[in-house]
Protein backbone atom coordinates (compact mmCIF):
# COMPACT_ATOMS: atom_id res chain seq x y z
CA MET A 1 -29.03 -36.66 50.57
CA THR A 2 -31.80 -34.24 49.55
CA ASP A 3 -32.02 -30.45 49.33
CA SER A 4 -33.53 -28.57 52.23
CA PRO A 5 -37.01 -27.39 51.24
CA ALA A 6 -36.28 -23.99 52.83
CA ARG A 7 -33.48 -23.33 50.41
CA PRO A 8 -34.50 -21.45 47.18
CA ALA A 9 -34.10 -23.33 43.92
CA PRO A 10 -31.34 -22.02 41.62
CA LEU A 11 -32.41 -19.85 38.69
CA ALA A 12 -30.86 -22.31 36.18
CA ASP A 13 -31.70 -25.84 37.17
CA PRO A 14 -31.36 -28.65 34.57
CA HIS A 15 -33.75 -30.80 36.60
CA LEU A 16 -36.54 -28.35 36.09
CA VAL A 17 -38.16 -27.41 32.80
CA HIS A 18 -40.08 -24.18 32.41
CA ASP A 19 -42.44 -24.72 29.48
CA PRO A 20 -44.92 -21.87 29.16
CA LEU A 21 -46.39 -22.79 25.77
CA ALA A 22 -45.75 -26.50 25.23
CA GLY A 23 -46.96 -27.89 21.94
CA ASP A 24 -46.25 -30.43 19.26
CA GLY A 25 -44.97 -27.95 16.67
CA PRO A 26 -41.81 -25.85 16.52
CA LYS A 27 -41.00 -23.56 19.41
CA ASP A 28 -41.66 -19.95 18.71
CA VAL A 29 -38.49 -17.97 19.38
CA VAL A 30 -37.66 -14.24 19.57
CA ILE A 31 -33.97 -13.44 18.93
CA LEU A 32 -32.63 -10.21 20.43
CA GLY A 33 -29.32 -9.09 19.04
CA SER A 34 -29.88 -11.03 15.79
CA THR A 35 -27.06 -9.45 13.80
CA GLY A 36 -24.37 -10.16 16.49
CA SER A 37 -22.27 -13.25 16.94
CA ILE A 38 -24.80 -15.09 19.05
CA GLY A 39 -27.76 -14.06 16.96
CA THR A 40 -26.29 -15.08 13.63
CA GLN A 41 -25.27 -18.48 15.03
CA ALA A 42 -28.71 -18.97 16.52
CA ILE A 43 -30.24 -18.26 13.13
CA ASP A 44 -27.97 -20.79 11.51
CA LEU A 45 -29.17 -23.35 14.00
CA VAL A 46 -32.83 -22.43 13.46
CA LEU A 47 -32.56 -22.66 9.69
CA ARG A 48 -31.09 -26.13 10.00
CA ASN A 49 -33.92 -27.26 12.34
CA PRO A 50 -37.18 -25.81 11.03
CA ASP A 51 -39.16 -28.67 12.60
CA ARG A 52 -37.90 -27.60 16.08
CA PHE A 53 -37.74 -23.79 15.96
CA ARG A 54 -39.65 -20.89 14.35
CA VAL A 55 -38.49 -17.33 14.78
CA THR A 56 -41.24 -14.81 15.18
CA ALA A 57 -39.29 -11.56 15.77
CA LEU A 58 -35.82 -10.11 15.47
CA SER A 59 -34.11 -7.20 17.20
CA ALA A 60 -30.83 -5.48 16.45
CA ASN A 61 -29.10 -2.23 17.23
CA GLY A 62 -29.44 -0.93 13.69
CA GLY A 63 -25.88 -0.87 12.43
CA ARG A 64 -26.34 -3.82 9.97
CA VAL A 65 -29.77 -3.26 8.45
CA ALA A 66 -29.00 -5.21 5.24
CA LEU A 67 -28.24 -8.31 7.33
CA LEU A 68 -31.31 -7.77 9.50
CA ALA A 69 -33.48 -7.50 6.42
CA GLU A 70 -32.01 -10.71 4.95
CA GLN A 71 -32.60 -12.55 8.27
CA ALA A 72 -36.19 -11.29 8.42
CA HIS A 73 -36.88 -12.49 4.84
CA ARG A 74 -35.28 -15.92 5.30
CA LEU A 75 -37.07 -16.54 8.60
CA ARG A 76 -40.42 -14.89 7.56
CA VAL A 77 -40.69 -13.12 10.93
CA ARG A 78 -43.67 -11.04 11.95
CA THR A 79 -41.67 -8.20 13.51
CA VAL A 80 -38.24 -6.60 13.41
CA SER A 81 -36.94 -3.93 15.68
CA VAL A 82 -33.93 -1.57 15.80
CA ALA A 83 -32.75 0.38 18.85
CA ARG A 84 -31.63 3.32 16.63
CA GLU A 85 -34.58 5.18 15.32
CA ASP A 86 -32.37 6.93 12.72
CA ALA A 87 -31.80 3.44 11.14
CA VAL A 88 -35.48 2.99 10.19
CA PRO A 89 -35.28 4.61 6.67
CA ALA A 90 -32.23 2.36 5.76
CA LEU A 91 -34.04 -0.63 7.21
CA ARG A 92 -37.12 0.05 5.06
CA GLU A 93 -34.95 0.21 2.00
CA ALA A 94 -33.19 -2.99 2.90
CA LEU A 95 -36.45 -4.79 3.49
CA ALA A 96 -37.78 -3.53 0.13
CA ALA A 97 -34.70 -4.97 -1.51
CA ALA A 98 -34.91 -8.29 0.34
CA TYR A 99 -38.63 -8.94 -0.19
CA GLY A 100 -40.05 -9.55 -3.63
CA PRO A 101 -42.94 -7.43 -5.16
CA GLY A 102 -46.16 -8.12 -3.31
CA GLU A 103 -44.49 -10.04 -0.43
CA PRO A 104 -45.80 -8.88 2.89
CA GLY A 105 -42.96 -7.48 4.98
CA PRO A 106 -42.60 -7.50 8.78
CA GLU A 107 -43.83 -4.87 11.19
CA ILE A 108 -41.00 -2.45 12.22
CA LEU A 109 -40.48 -1.26 15.78
CA ALA A 110 -37.81 1.29 16.67
CA GLY A 111 -36.37 3.03 19.69
CA PRO A 112 -34.60 2.07 22.96
CA ARG A 113 -37.62 0.10 24.25
CA ALA A 114 -38.29 -1.82 21.05
CA ALA A 115 -36.30 -4.90 22.11
CA THR A 116 -38.07 -4.85 25.49
CA GLU A 117 -41.41 -4.90 23.73
CA LEU A 118 -40.37 -7.92 21.60
CA ALA A 119 -39.09 -9.69 24.74
CA ALA A 120 -42.66 -9.72 26.11
CA SER A 121 -44.33 -10.73 22.85
CA ASP A 122 -46.14 -13.95 22.19
CA CYS A 123 -43.51 -16.69 21.98
CA HIS A 124 -42.05 -19.67 23.86
CA THR A 125 -38.40 -18.66 24.23
CA VAL A 126 -36.58 -15.35 24.19
CA LEU A 127 -32.87 -15.51 23.25
CA ASN A 128 -31.26 -12.48 24.69
CA GLY A 129 -28.06 -12.04 22.72
CA ILE A 130 -27.71 -8.28 23.26
CA THR A 131 -24.26 -7.10 24.40
CA GLY A 132 -24.06 -4.83 27.49
CA SER A 133 -26.23 -3.80 30.35
CA ILE A 134 -28.86 -2.48 27.93
CA GLY A 135 -30.06 -6.10 27.92
CA LEU A 136 -31.42 -5.78 31.44
CA ALA A 137 -34.86 -4.34 30.48
CA PRO A 138 -35.51 -7.14 27.89
CA THR A 139 -34.45 -9.77 30.36
CA LEU A 140 -36.90 -8.46 32.96
CA ALA A 141 -39.66 -8.14 30.37
CA ALA A 142 -39.23 -11.77 29.15
CA LEU A 143 -39.30 -13.07 32.74
CA GLU A 144 -42.29 -11.02 33.70
CA ALA A 145 -44.19 -12.21 30.61
CA GLY A 146 -43.47 -15.82 31.63
CA ARG A 147 -41.20 -16.68 28.67
CA THR A 148 -38.39 -19.12 28.83
CA LEU A 149 -35.19 -17.00 28.72
CA ALA A 150 -32.14 -18.26 26.90
CA LEU A 151 -29.63 -15.91 28.39
CA ALA A 152 -26.51 -14.87 26.56
CA ASN A 153 -26.54 -11.34 27.94
CA LYS A 154 -24.60 -11.90 31.14
CA GLU A 155 -24.58 -8.22 31.93
CA SER A 156 -28.30 -8.05 32.67
CA LEU A 157 -27.93 -10.71 35.35
CA ILE A 158 -24.78 -9.07 36.76
CA VAL A 159 -26.19 -5.58 37.05
CA GLY A 160 -29.74 -6.53 38.02
CA GLY A 161 -29.14 -9.62 40.13
CA PRO A 162 -31.89 -9.19 42.79
CA LEU A 163 -34.29 -7.81 40.19
CA VAL A 164 -33.80 -10.89 37.98
CA THR A 165 -33.89 -13.41 40.88
CA ALA A 166 -37.11 -11.86 42.17
CA LEU A 167 -38.86 -12.45 38.79
CA ALA A 168 -37.36 -15.71 37.55
CA LYS A 169 -39.16 -18.96 38.29
CA PRO A 170 -37.05 -22.08 38.84
CA GLY A 171 -35.97 -23.39 35.40
CA GLN A 172 -37.13 -20.31 33.61
CA ILE A 173 -33.52 -19.18 32.72
CA ILE A 174 -31.35 -21.38 30.55
CA PRO A 175 -27.75 -19.99 30.24
CA VAL A 176 -26.26 -19.65 26.80
CA ASP A 177 -22.65 -18.70 27.80
CA SER A 178 -20.46 -21.64 27.06
CA GLU A 179 -19.22 -21.84 30.61
CA HIS A 180 -22.72 -21.66 32.20
CA ALA A 181 -24.24 -23.99 29.66
CA ALA A 182 -21.49 -26.43 30.64
CA LEU A 183 -22.24 -26.03 34.36
CA PHE A 184 -25.92 -26.43 33.62
CA GLN A 185 -25.31 -29.76 31.87
CA ALA A 186 -22.80 -31.06 34.41
CA LEU A 187 -25.16 -30.20 37.31
CA ALA A 188 -27.65 -32.64 35.84
CA ALA A 189 -25.34 -35.45 36.97
CA GLY A 190 -26.21 -35.03 40.65
CA THR A 191 -28.38 -33.30 43.20
CA ARG A 192 -27.72 -29.73 44.32
CA ALA A 193 -26.75 -30.90 47.82
CA ASP A 194 -24.02 -33.09 46.30
CA VAL A 195 -22.19 -30.13 44.69
CA ARG A 196 -18.87 -29.29 46.28
CA LYS A 197 -17.72 -26.58 43.93
CA LEU A 198 -18.05 -25.13 40.43
CA VAL A 199 -14.93 -24.87 38.25
CA VAL A 200 -15.15 -22.19 35.57
CA THR A 201 -12.57 -22.59 32.81
CA ALA A 202 -10.80 -19.61 31.13
CA SER A 203 -8.79 -19.73 27.89
CA GLY A 204 -6.39 -17.17 29.41
CA GLY A 205 -7.01 -14.94 26.43
CA PRO A 206 -4.14 -13.62 24.20
CA PHE A 207 -1.92 -12.69 27.16
CA ARG A 208 -1.83 -15.98 29.02
CA GLY A 209 1.52 -16.43 30.70
CA ARG A 210 2.38 -12.73 30.70
CA THR A 211 3.26 -10.89 33.90
CA LYS A 212 1.73 -7.61 35.04
CA ALA A 213 4.83 -5.78 33.72
CA ASP A 214 4.49 -7.51 30.37
CA LEU A 215 1.02 -6.06 29.87
CA ALA A 216 2.05 -2.43 30.14
CA ASP A 217 2.51 -1.87 26.42
CA VAL A 218 0.14 -4.19 24.67
CA THR A 219 -1.82 -2.80 21.75
CA VAL A 220 -5.43 -2.96 20.74
CA GLN A 221 -4.48 -5.35 17.93
CA ASP A 222 -2.70 -7.58 20.47
CA ALA A 223 -5.79 -7.65 22.72
CA LEU A 224 -8.14 -8.53 19.86
CA ALA A 225 -6.09 -11.53 18.82
CA HIS A 226 -7.91 -14.17 20.83
CA PRO A 227 -6.36 -17.61 20.41
CA THR A 228 -9.55 -19.73 20.36
CA TRP A 229 -12.77 -17.70 20.03
CA ALA A 230 -14.07 -15.27 17.41
CA MET A 231 -16.06 -12.63 19.21
CA GLY A 232 -16.96 -8.95 19.10
CA PRO A 233 -14.29 -6.39 20.19
CA VAL A 234 -15.72 -5.62 23.60
CA ILE A 235 -16.07 -9.29 24.63
CA THR A 236 -12.64 -10.05 23.20
CA VAL A 237 -11.06 -7.26 25.31
CA ASN A 238 -12.92 -8.54 28.32
CA SER A 239 -11.41 -11.91 27.64
CA ALA A 240 -7.93 -10.34 27.49
CA THR A 241 -8.39 -8.68 30.86
CA LEU A 242 -10.34 -11.70 32.22
CA VAL A 243 -13.16 -9.32 33.22
CA ASN A 244 -15.41 -11.78 31.35
CA LYS A 245 -14.39 -14.47 33.79
CA GLY A 246 -15.11 -12.21 36.73
CA LEU A 247 -18.58 -11.54 35.32
CA GLU A 248 -19.06 -15.29 34.85
CA VAL A 249 -18.17 -16.00 38.51
CA ILE A 250 -20.87 -13.48 39.63
CA GLU A 251 -23.26 -15.02 37.09
CA ALA A 252 -22.58 -18.57 38.28
CA HIS A 253 -23.22 -17.48 41.90
CA LEU A 254 -26.63 -15.96 40.92
CA LEU A 255 -27.71 -18.73 38.51
CA TYR A 256 -26.75 -21.73 40.72
CA ASP A 257 -26.87 -20.25 44.25
CA ILE A 258 -23.34 -21.42 45.02
CA PRO A 259 -21.20 -19.27 47.44
CA PHE A 260 -18.31 -17.35 45.90
CA ASP A 261 -15.73 -19.35 47.87
CA ARG A 262 -16.93 -22.47 46.11
CA ILE A 263 -16.55 -21.10 42.54
CA GLU A 264 -13.07 -21.58 41.18
CA VAL A 265 -11.40 -20.31 37.95
CA VAL A 266 -8.76 -22.34 36.15
CA VAL A 267 -6.95 -21.58 32.94
CA HIS A 268 -7.47 -24.09 30.14
CA PRO A 269 -5.84 -22.78 26.92
CA GLN A 270 -7.44 -25.30 24.54
CA SER A 271 -11.02 -24.24 25.49
CA TYR A 272 -12.20 -27.80 25.10
CA VAL A 273 -13.59 -28.21 28.65
CA HIS A 274 -16.04 -25.36 29.09
CA SER A 275 -16.53 -25.82 32.83
CA MET A 276 -16.78 -28.51 35.51
CA VAL A 277 -18.71 -29.42 38.61
CA GLU A 278 -16.93 -31.21 41.49
CA PHE A 279 -19.23 -33.33 43.66
CA THR A 280 -18.88 -34.29 47.28
CA ASP A 281 -17.82 -37.85 46.47
CA GLY A 282 -14.72 -36.58 44.64
CA SER A 283 -16.13 -37.02 41.15
CA THR A 284 -15.72 -34.13 38.72
CA ILE A 285 -18.07 -33.92 35.75
CA ALA A 286 -16.74 -31.87 32.83
CA GLN A 287 -18.62 -30.78 29.69
CA ALA A 288 -16.40 -30.71 26.65
CA THR A 289 -16.74 -29.86 22.94
CA PRO A 290 -14.59 -28.13 20.36
CA PRO A 291 -14.94 -24.31 20.71
CA ASP A 292 -18.26 -23.52 19.00
CA MET A 293 -21.10 -21.44 20.40
CA ARG A 294 -23.82 -23.29 18.49
CA GLY A 295 -23.76 -26.04 21.11
CA PRO A 296 -24.64 -23.73 24.07
CA ILE A 297 -27.21 -21.93 21.87
CA ALA A 298 -28.80 -25.28 21.13
CA ILE A 299 -29.03 -26.02 24.86
CA GLY A 300 -30.60 -22.63 25.38
CA LEU A 301 -33.22 -23.04 22.69
CA GLY A 302 -33.89 -26.82 22.86
CA TRP A 303 -33.61 -27.88 26.51
CA PRO A 304 -34.65 -30.48 27.74
CA GLU A 305 -34.13 -31.93 24.25
CA ARG A 306 -30.79 -31.94 22.55
CA VAL A 307 -30.46 -30.71 18.96
CA PRO A 308 -28.72 -33.38 16.76
CA ASP A 309 -25.51 -32.20 15.13
CA ALA A 310 -25.82 -28.65 16.61
CA ALA A 311 -22.08 -28.37 16.74
CA PRO A 312 -19.02 -30.39 15.87
CA ALA A 313 -17.90 -33.26 18.11
CA PHE A 314 -14.36 -34.43 18.93
CA ASP A 315 -12.54 -36.90 16.73
CA TRP A 316 -11.32 -39.21 19.42
CA SER A 317 -9.11 -41.12 16.98
CA LYS A 318 -6.71 -38.16 16.97
CA ALA A 319 -4.30 -37.46 19.82
CA SER A 320 -4.72 -34.23 21.75
CA THR A 321 -3.36 -32.59 24.89
CA TRP A 322 -5.54 -30.77 27.41
CA GLU A 323 -3.80 -28.42 29.90
CA PHE A 324 -4.95 -26.67 33.07
CA PHE A 325 -3.19 -23.90 34.95
CA PRO A 326 -3.90 -21.82 38.05
CA LEU A 327 -5.03 -18.26 37.41
CA ASP A 328 -2.39 -15.49 37.90
CA ASN A 329 -4.43 -13.03 40.02
CA GLU A 330 -1.60 -10.50 40.17
CA ALA A 331 -1.45 -10.09 36.35
CA PHE A 332 -5.19 -10.49 36.04
CA PRO A 333 -6.89 -8.96 39.10
CA ALA A 334 -10.38 -8.80 37.50
CA VAL A 335 -11.67 -12.08 38.89
CA ASN A 336 -10.89 -11.21 42.52
CA LEU A 337 -12.36 -7.70 42.03
CA ALA A 338 -15.52 -9.33 40.62
CA ARG A 339 -15.77 -11.64 43.61
CA HIS A 340 -15.50 -8.53 45.79
CA VAL A 341 -18.26 -6.59 44.05
CA GLY A 342 -20.39 -9.71 43.87
CA GLN A 343 -20.22 -10.10 47.62
CA LEU A 344 -21.00 -6.38 48.10
CA ALA A 345 -24.04 -6.90 45.87
CA GLY A 346 -26.54 -4.07 45.47
CA THR A 347 -25.34 -1.64 42.83
CA ALA A 348 -21.64 -2.63 43.08
CA PRO A 349 -21.75 -5.14 40.20
CA ALA A 350 -23.47 -2.54 38.00
CA VAL A 351 -20.69 0.01 38.86
CA PHE A 352 -18.07 -2.60 38.06
CA ASN A 353 -19.63 -3.49 34.70
CA ALA A 354 -20.39 0.07 33.60
CA ALA A 355 -16.90 1.37 34.49
CA ASN A 356 -15.42 -1.56 32.55
CA GLU A 357 -17.55 -0.84 29.46
CA GLU A 358 -16.35 2.74 29.47
CA CYS A 359 -12.70 1.79 29.92
CA VAL A 360 -12.84 -0.84 27.19
CA ALA A 361 -14.29 1.76 24.79
CA ALA A 362 -11.46 4.18 25.76
CA PHE A 363 -8.86 1.49 25.23
CA LEU A 364 -10.31 0.59 21.79
CA ASN A 365 -10.23 4.33 20.89
CA GLY A 366 -6.63 4.71 21.98
CA ALA A 367 -7.51 6.87 24.98
CA LEU A 368 -6.39 4.42 27.74
CA PRO A 369 -3.63 1.85 27.93
CA PHE A 370 -4.47 -1.74 28.47
CA SER A 371 -3.26 -1.73 32.06
CA GLY A 372 -5.36 1.34 32.66
CA ILE A 373 -8.61 -0.62 32.16
CA MET A 374 -8.45 -2.47 35.48
CA GLU A 375 -6.69 0.31 37.30
CA THR A 376 -9.55 2.64 36.46
CA VAL A 377 -12.30 0.09 37.10
CA THR A 378 -10.71 -0.68 40.51
CA ARG A 379 -10.59 3.02 41.42
CA VAL A 380 -14.24 3.55 40.44
CA VAL A 381 -15.37 0.55 42.51
CA GLU A 382 -13.35 1.78 45.49
CA GLU A 383 -14.86 5.27 45.22
CA HIS A 384 -18.34 3.81 44.99
CA GLY A 385 -17.86 2.01 48.27
CA THR A 386 -20.38 -0.29 49.91
CA PRO A 387 -23.84 0.05 48.34
CA GLU A 388 -26.73 0.74 50.67
CA THR A 389 -29.61 -0.63 48.53
CA GLY A 390 -29.26 -4.22 49.80
CA THR A 391 -32.29 -6.33 48.82
CA SER A 392 -34.40 -3.25 47.88
CA LEU A 393 -32.58 -2.68 44.60
CA THR A 394 -34.58 -1.01 41.91
CA VAL A 395 -34.03 -0.37 38.17
CA SER A 396 -33.63 3.30 39.02
CA ASP A 397 -30.78 2.41 41.47
CA VAL A 398 -29.05 0.45 38.74
CA LEU A 399 -29.37 3.16 36.16
CA GLU A 400 -28.17 5.84 38.59
CA ALA A 401 -25.19 3.78 39.66
CA GLU A 402 -24.28 3.05 36.02
CA THR A 403 -24.52 6.67 35.03
CA TRP A 404 -22.26 7.70 37.93
CA ALA A 405 -19.74 4.95 37.16
CA ARG A 406 -19.58 5.81 33.46
CA THR A 407 -19.08 9.49 34.24
CA ARG A 408 -16.42 8.81 36.81
CA ALA A 409 -14.58 6.40 34.56
CA ARG A 410 -14.55 8.97 31.74
CA GLU A 411 -13.29 11.62 34.13
CA ILE A 412 -10.44 9.41 35.38
CA THR A 413 -9.56 8.38 31.85
CA ALA A 414 -9.43 11.99 30.68
CA THR A 415 -7.26 12.94 33.66
CA THR A 416 -4.89 10.04 32.91
CA ALA A 417 -4.67 10.97 29.25
CA THR A 418 -3.84 14.59 30.14
CA ALA A 419 -1.18 13.59 32.58
CA GLU A 420 0.43 11.25 30.08
CA ALA A 421 0.35 13.98 27.39
CA ARG A 422 2.16 16.44 29.69
CA ALA A 423 4.67 13.81 30.63
């Protein structure tokens, strides 16, 4: 069985290799979000494989300038950038401390478009490890410049779906999320026409097994106590609500062009199997490793080659138990809501994501209870209604929808807090 030629190729296709600047030496890589979890692990991988990768530029928000300066010095990059212009003086001091007398330091870029400029710079691969929808502009810039995009910033694909799909060439995007890197690898086992469904695994987060009523009084500390992954606070809370899994369902639909009704979510507490592909002959191909993001990062940077010893492997001489459970959609409604906004398309996913980011910030600041996150996001999505942009989505549409969603989420949160204070 073969694919119909009239059907568009998926954005992420392991059978296709996008190689804009092939050569015999190391791949030139730009790392966006270098001081975050993905960025620091990517740098660890690069430093252990100097024959394979060479980092030419780094970008960060600007909150950890000492670390950024240390990274720049160790990697000998040409350029560093910070989104916060007020961080430049501290960055200059940190670079002066990291570099020895007479050592040439890197060029410094600053401002909200600095990462976007780096994404279009001369390199082979751009690793987008920025957190949040601010990663959209760099994603679009990397694609437009013809770079291979190792995508860890799921939000840019979520909020800008049609914009990204219009620019990306087949094979140009390689996913770095553990789940999508797993699907990417498992899909290599067959043709696209042979795929019956995608199975995205979820750890269940810190509240696996709890009912909706059990979640009413959980604390920030409870939500940040993830059982298997060490991540930033926003991503960890998204894992607790399972919003992250809802975003991954939308992302899987966009990356692999599989309908929503053929993308399933199952709970797998051990986080050993990162996702699976079920084929039409009844076979299921699973990708499994111990929880460690260096494996997916190595796929993103190295594909179609594998990087030896990128991450730990299983010790098959030791007994272990792997469990799978159905998702409790009543306690965790985020996945079904994400399917809904994904099917609405247009600006609906941007509204969902922006409202969630505001609600998570309010929860972390003590202004919203945990259960209020999804209640507020659901209300904002309902008020937004069915988008009218369709296939004519623009960046302005996305930004306008995000601004409205953030404002409305803050208004609802403030009203909720006032009502609770009076009660």
